[in-house]
């Protein structure tokens, strides 16, 4: 429970959440900060993931709404992405519930490290268009496959999902980084909320801690989304790369040394 956490540790978690919300709104990958932070205070992996979903829903909703108001995201156009992401997130979260805590403790740091390495080494194409792609059957198939896979991953683990969305949006739809980020935040919110409801039903959430971190994440996301929209790709890309390199180094040190 939150009463058992020292005030100094709660302040540290709040600051981590503030930074993670900013990073997540700018480039994705905030979960690579918050999940290890929750695990470090001794929360069981299932509870850490569920609590992170509660906190992350605050951040992703704030970022998604900001991009939507700036007309950088069209909900109707991405309907199939919404549906696929929702279904994938439910399945992923249920799979987490079937996995043993011991196995999850060993696997989760490796998943986070893999997500960090992928975002560093995978080529980040420059989106060619600020316009939406042409509607066709191929577009629908892309949306369904992308949404199911990334929704499943977000339900199963989560860290790095926003970054994966941003990169895959630029590859699949040739969107520029702002449009790709807007879509990423909306889909991230969808899988976060879906996974959150499933975790809540299963009882895997520390509500008080999740709400505390969620408020800090929401503030960070508000600042981050406005910064990204104002300064564009020149601001987003360096933040994205820098954060992932630091996270990868930190996780490698923890895992191997």
Protein backbone atom coordinates (compact mmCIF):
# COMPACT_ATOMS: atom_id res chain seq x y z
CA UNK A 1 0.00 0.00 0.00
CA UNK A 2 1.01 3.62 -0.52
CA UNK A 3 1.17 4.22 3.28
CA UNK A 4 4.14 1.83 3.47
CA UNK A 5 6.17 3.84 0.97
CA UNK A 6 8.53 6.43 2.47
CA UNK A 7 7.64 10.06 1.60
CA UNK A 8 11.06 10.57 -0.02
CA UNK A 9 10.48 7.54 -2.26
CA UNK A 10 7.01 8.83 -3.16
CA UNK A 11 8.56 12.17 -4.20
CA UNK A 12 11.11 10.33 -6.34
CA UNK A 13 8.34 8.29 -7.99
CA UNK A 14 6.42 11.49 -8.66
CA UNK A 15 9.44 13.11 -10.34
CA UNK A 16 10.07 9.95 -12.39
CA UNK A 17 6.41 10.03 -13.47
CA UNK A 18 6.64 13.72 -14.41
CA UNK A 19 9.68 13.05 -16.60
CA UNK A 20 8.11 9.90 -18.05
CA UNK A 21 4.92 11.77 -18.97
CA UNK A 22 6.95 14.41 -20.79
CA UNK A 23 9.05 11.81 -22.63
CA UNK A 24 6.03 9.69 -23.53
CA UNK A 25 4.15 12.64 -25.02
CA UNK A 26 7.20 13.73 -27.04
CA UNK A 27 8.55 10.44 -28.33
CA UNK A 28 7.03 7.47 -26.51
CA UNK A 29 8.77 5.09 -24.12
CA UNK A 30 7.79 6.62 -20.78
CA UNK A 31 6.98 3.14 -19.50
CA UNK A 32 10.67 2.28 -19.71
CA UNK A 33 11.05 4.69 -16.77
CA UNK A 34 7.92 4.04 -14.72
CA UNK A 35 7.83 0.22 -14.78
CA UNK A 36 11.41 -0.22 -13.48
CA UNK A 37 10.70 2.49 -10.87
CA UNK A 38 7.65 0.59 -9.60
CA UNK A 39 9.53 -2.71 -9.59
CA UNK A 40 12.40 -1.08 -7.64
CA UNK A 41 10.16 -0.36 -4.62
CA UNK A 42 9.27 -4.03 -4.34
CA UNK A 43 5.88 -4.23 -6.05
CA UNK A 44 5.13 -7.67 -7.56
CA UNK A 45 5.34 -7.57 -11.39
CA UNK A 46 1.59 -8.01 -11.90
CA UNK A 47 0.84 -5.12 -9.52
CA UNK A 48 3.61 -2.97 -11.03
CA UNK A 49 2.20 -3.43 -14.54
CA UNK A 50 -1.39 -2.77 -13.41
CA UNK A 51 -0.42 0.31 -11.40
CA UNK A 52 1.62 1.59 -14.35
CA UNK A 53 -1.44 1.21 -16.59
CA UNK A 54 -3.49 3.37 -14.23
CA UNK A 55 -0.82 6.06 -14.17
CA UNK A 56 -0.11 5.79 -17.92
CA UNK A 57 -3.78 6.24 -18.81
CA UNK A 58 -3.63 9.75 -17.35
CA UNK A 59 -0.62 10.66 -19.50
CA UNK A 60 -1.83 9.10 -22.74
CA UNK A 61 -5.30 10.67 -22.42
CA UNK A 62 -3.78 14.11 -21.92
CA UNK A 63 -1.38 13.74 -24.85
CA UNK A 64 -4.03 12.22 -27.14
CA UNK A 65 -6.49 15.04 -26.41
CA UNK A 66 -3.81 17.67 -27.06
CA UNK A 67 -2.91 16.18 -30.47
CA UNK A 68 -6.62 15.83 -31.33
CA UNK A 69 -7.34 19.49 -30.51
CA UNK A 70 -4.43 20.51 -32.75
CA UNK A 71 -6.04 18.45 -35.57
CA UNK A 72 -3.11 16.03 -35.70
CA UNK A 73 -5.33 12.98 -35.23
CA UNK A 74 -8.62 11.87 -36.88
CA UNK A 75 -10.52 9.26 -34.77
CA UNK A 76 -12.94 8.28 -37.57
CA UNK A 77 -10.12 7.58 -40.05
CA UNK A 78 -8.36 5.21 -37.62
CA UNK A 79 -11.47 3.27 -36.49
CA UNK A 80 -10.05 -0.16 -37.40
CA UNK A 81 -6.87 0.66 -35.48
CA UNK A 82 -8.98 1.43 -32.41
CA UNK A 83 -10.86 -1.87 -32.58
CA UNK A 84 -7.74 -4.00 -33.23
CA UNK A 85 -5.77 -2.27 -30.46
CA UNK A 86 -8.60 -2.80 -27.98
CA UNK A 87 -8.85 -6.52 -28.72
CA UNK A 88 -5.06 -6.98 -28.69
CA UNK A 89 -4.76 -5.21 -25.32
CA UNK A 90 -7.43 -7.42 -23.71
CA UNK A 91 -5.68 -10.60 -24.89
CA UNK A 92 -2.25 -9.34 -23.80
CA UNK A 93 -3.46 -8.41 -20.32
CA UNK A 94 -5.14 -11.79 -19.84
CA UNK A 95 -1.92 -13.53 -20.87
CA UNK A 96 -0.06 -11.57 -18.14
CA UNK A 97 -2.50 -12.96 -15.58
CA UNK A 98 -1.67 -16.52 -16.63
CA UNK A 99 2.11 -16.01 -16.38
CA UNK A 100 3.77 -16.89 -13.07
CA UNK A 101 5.22 -14.03 -11.02
CA UNK A 102 8.65 -15.69 -10.92
CA UNK A 103 8.81 -15.95 -14.72
CA UNK A 104 7.54 -12.39 -15.13
CA UNK A 105 10.22 -11.02 -12.75
CA UNK A 106 12.91 -12.59 -14.92
CA UNK A 107 11.40 -11.71 -18.29
CA UNK A 108 10.21 -8.14 -17.75
CA UNK A 109 13.66 -6.45 -17.51
CA UNK A 110 14.68 -8.28 -20.71
CA UNK A 111 11.54 -7.07 -22.50
CA UNK A 112 12.24 -3.49 -21.44
CA UNK A 113 15.88 -3.77 -22.54
CA UNK A 114 14.85 -5.24 -25.91
CA UNK A 115 12.40 -2.38 -26.42
CA UNK A 116 15.14 0.15 -25.69
CA UNK A 117 17.65 -1.50 -28.04
CA UNK A 118 15.07 -1.73 -30.82
CA UNK A 119 14.23 1.96 -30.65
CA UNK A 120 17.92 2.87 -30.84
CA UNK A 121 19.02 0.63 -33.69
CA UNK A 122 15.90 0.49 -35.86
CA UNK A 123 16.10 3.10 -38.65
CA UNK A 124 13.69 5.98 -38.10
CA UNK A 125 12.33 7.01 -41.51
CA UNK A 126 11.34 10.59 -42.09
CA UNK A 127 7.62 10.79 -42.70
CA UNK A 128 6.94 12.16 -46.14
CA UNK A 129 3.43 13.49 -45.72
CA UNK A 130 1.40 15.59 -43.30
CA UNK A 131 -1.69 14.13 -45.00
CA UNK A 132 -3.62 10.95 -44.19
CA UNK A 133 -2.96 7.94 -46.46
CA UNK A 134 -5.45 6.89 -49.14
CA UNK A 135 -8.28 4.65 -47.92
CA UNK A 136 -8.03 1.14 -49.42
CA UNK A 137 -8.30 -2.53 -48.32
CA UNK A 138 -4.53 -2.65 -47.80
CA UNK A 139 -4.78 0.26 -45.34
CA UNK A 140 -7.41 -1.59 -43.31
CA UNK A 141 -5.22 -4.71 -43.16
CA UNK A 142 -2.27 -2.63 -41.97
CA UNK A 143 -4.38 -1.00 -39.26
CA UNK A 144 -5.76 -4.34 -38.02
CA UNK A 145 -2.37 -6.09 -37.91
CA UNK A 146 -0.55 -3.13 -36.35
CA UNK A 147 -3.27 -2.51 -33.77
CA UNK A 148 -3.53 -6.16 -32.73
CA UNK A 149 0.23 -6.69 -32.36
CA UNK A 150 0.98 -3.43 -30.52
CA UNK A 151 -2.20 -3.63 -28.43
CA UNK A 152 -1.19 -7.16 -27.38
CA UNK A 153 2.33 -6.00 -26.49
CA UNK A 154 1.00 -3.04 -24.49
CA UNK A 155 -1.33 -5.34 -22.56
CA UNK A 156 1.43 -7.90 -21.99
CA UNK A 157 4.30 -5.57 -21.01
CA UNK A 158 3.95 -1.98 -22.23
CA UNK A 159 7.35 -0.24 -22.09
CA UNK A 160 8.27 1.29 -25.44
CA UNK A 161 4.80 0.90 -26.98
CA UNK A 162 4.50 4.59 -27.82
CA UNK A 163 7.88 4.52 -29.56
CA UNK A 164 6.89 1.40 -31.53
CA UNK A 165 3.67 3.09 -32.62
CA UNK A 166 5.48 6.23 -33.77
CA UNK A 167 8.09 4.33 -35.78
CA UNK A 168 5.60 1.91 -37.36
CA UNK A 169 3.24 4.77 -38.25
CA UNK A 170 6.00 6.46 -40.24
CA UNK A 171 6.94 3.18 -41.95
CA UNK A 172 3.43 1.96 -42.78
CA UNK A 173 1.66 5.22 -43.62
CA UNK A 174 4.54 7.59 -44.46
CA UNK A 175 3.29 10.10 -41.90
CA UNK A 176 5.57 12.86 -40.65
CA UNK A 177 6.68 12.55 -37.05
CA UNK A 178 4.00 14.88 -35.64
CA UNK A 179 1.12 13.02 -37.33
CA UNK A 180 2.74 9.70 -36.36
CA UNK A 181 3.02 10.88 -32.73
CA UNK A 182 -0.61 12.01 -32.68
CA UNK A 183 -1.80 8.58 -33.84
CA UNK A 184 0.60 6.86 -31.42
CA UNK A 185 -0.79 8.73 -28.42
CA UNK A 186 -4.41 7.96 -29.33
CA UNK A 187 -3.70 4.25 -29.79
CA UNK A 188 -1.57 4.16 -26.66
CA UNK A 189 -4.50 5.62 -24.72
CA UNK A 190 -6.81 2.98 -26.19
CA UNK A 191 -4.60 0.05 -25.13
CA UNK A 192 -3.79 1.65 -21.76
CA UNK A 193 -7.47 2.14 -20.89
CA UNK A 194 -8.46 -1.33 -22.10
CA UNK A 195 -5.61 -2.97 -20.22
CA UNK A 196 -6.36 -0.86 -17.14
CA UNK A 197 -9.97 -2.07 -17.00
CA UNK A 198 -8.80 -5.68 -17.36
CA UNK A 199 -6.13 -5.28 -14.65
CA UNK A 200 -8.74 -3.65 -12.37
CA UNK A 201 -11.12 -6.59 -12.81
CA UNK A 202 -8.26 -8.95 -11.95
CA UNK A 203 -7.32 -6.84 -8.89
CA UNK A 204 -3.75 -6.09 -10.00
CA UNK A 205 -3.61 -2.35 -9.20
CA UNK A 206 -2.32 -0.22 -6.32
CA UNK A 207 -4.92 2.51 -6.87
CA UNK A 208 -3.50 5.16 -4.51
CA UNK A 209 0.02 4.91 -5.94
CA UNK A 210 -1.29 4.76 -9.51
CA UNK A 211 -3.38 7.92 -9.04
CA UNK A 212 -0.46 9.77 -7.43
CA UNK A 213 1.89 8.93 -10.28
CA UNK A 214 -0.91 9.49 -12.79
CA UNK A 215 -1.30 13.15 -11.82
CA UNK A 216 2.45 13.71 -12.28
CA UNK A 217 2.39 11.84 -15.60
CA UNK A 218 -0.55 13.95 -16.78
CA UNK A 219 1.31 17.19 -16.02
CA UNK A 220 4.42 15.90 -17.80
CA UNK A 221 2.34 14.78 -20.79
CA UNK A 222 0.67 18.19 -21.07
CA UNK A 223 4.04 19.97 -21.15
CA UNK A 224 5.56 17.36 -23.48
CA UNK A 225 2.74 17.34 -26.05
CA UNK A 226 2.69 21.13 -26.32
CA UNK A 227 6.49 21.19 -26.62
CA UNK A 228 6.45 18.57 -29.39
CA UNK A 229 3.75 20.38 -31.36
CA UNK A 230 5.47 23.74 -30.97
CA UNK A 231 9.03 22.68 -31.81
CA UNK A 232 8.37 19.71 -34.12
CA UNK A 233 10.73 16.97 -35.31
CA UNK A 234 13.92 18.91 -34.52
CA UNK A 235 12.91 18.74 -30.87
CA UNK A 236 11.32 15.27 -30.80
CA UNK A 237 14.06 13.20 -32.43
CA UNK A 238 17.01 14.19 -30.17
CA UNK A 239 14.86 13.68 -27.05
CA UNK A 240 13.73 10.30 -28.35
CA UNK A 241 17.25 9.02 -29.08
CA UNK A 242 18.82 10.44 -25.91
CA UNK A 243 16.20 8.96 -23.60
CA UNK A 244 16.36 5.50 -25.14
CA UNK A 245 20.17 5.39 -24.97
CA UNK A 246 20.12 6.33 -21.25
CA UNK A 247 17.40 3.80 -20.48
CA UNK A 248 19.17 1.02 -22.38
CA UNK A 249 22.41 1.69 -20.50
CA UNK A 250 20.62 1.77 -17.13
CA UNK A 251 18.76 -1.49 -17.73
CA UNK A 252 21.87 -3.24 -19.07
CA UNK A 253 23.79 -2.25 -15.94
CA UNK A 254 20.99 -3.52 -13.65
CA UNK A 255 20.58 -6.78 -15.56
CA UNK A 256 24.22 -7.76 -16.01
CA UNK A 257 26.18 -6.03 -13.23
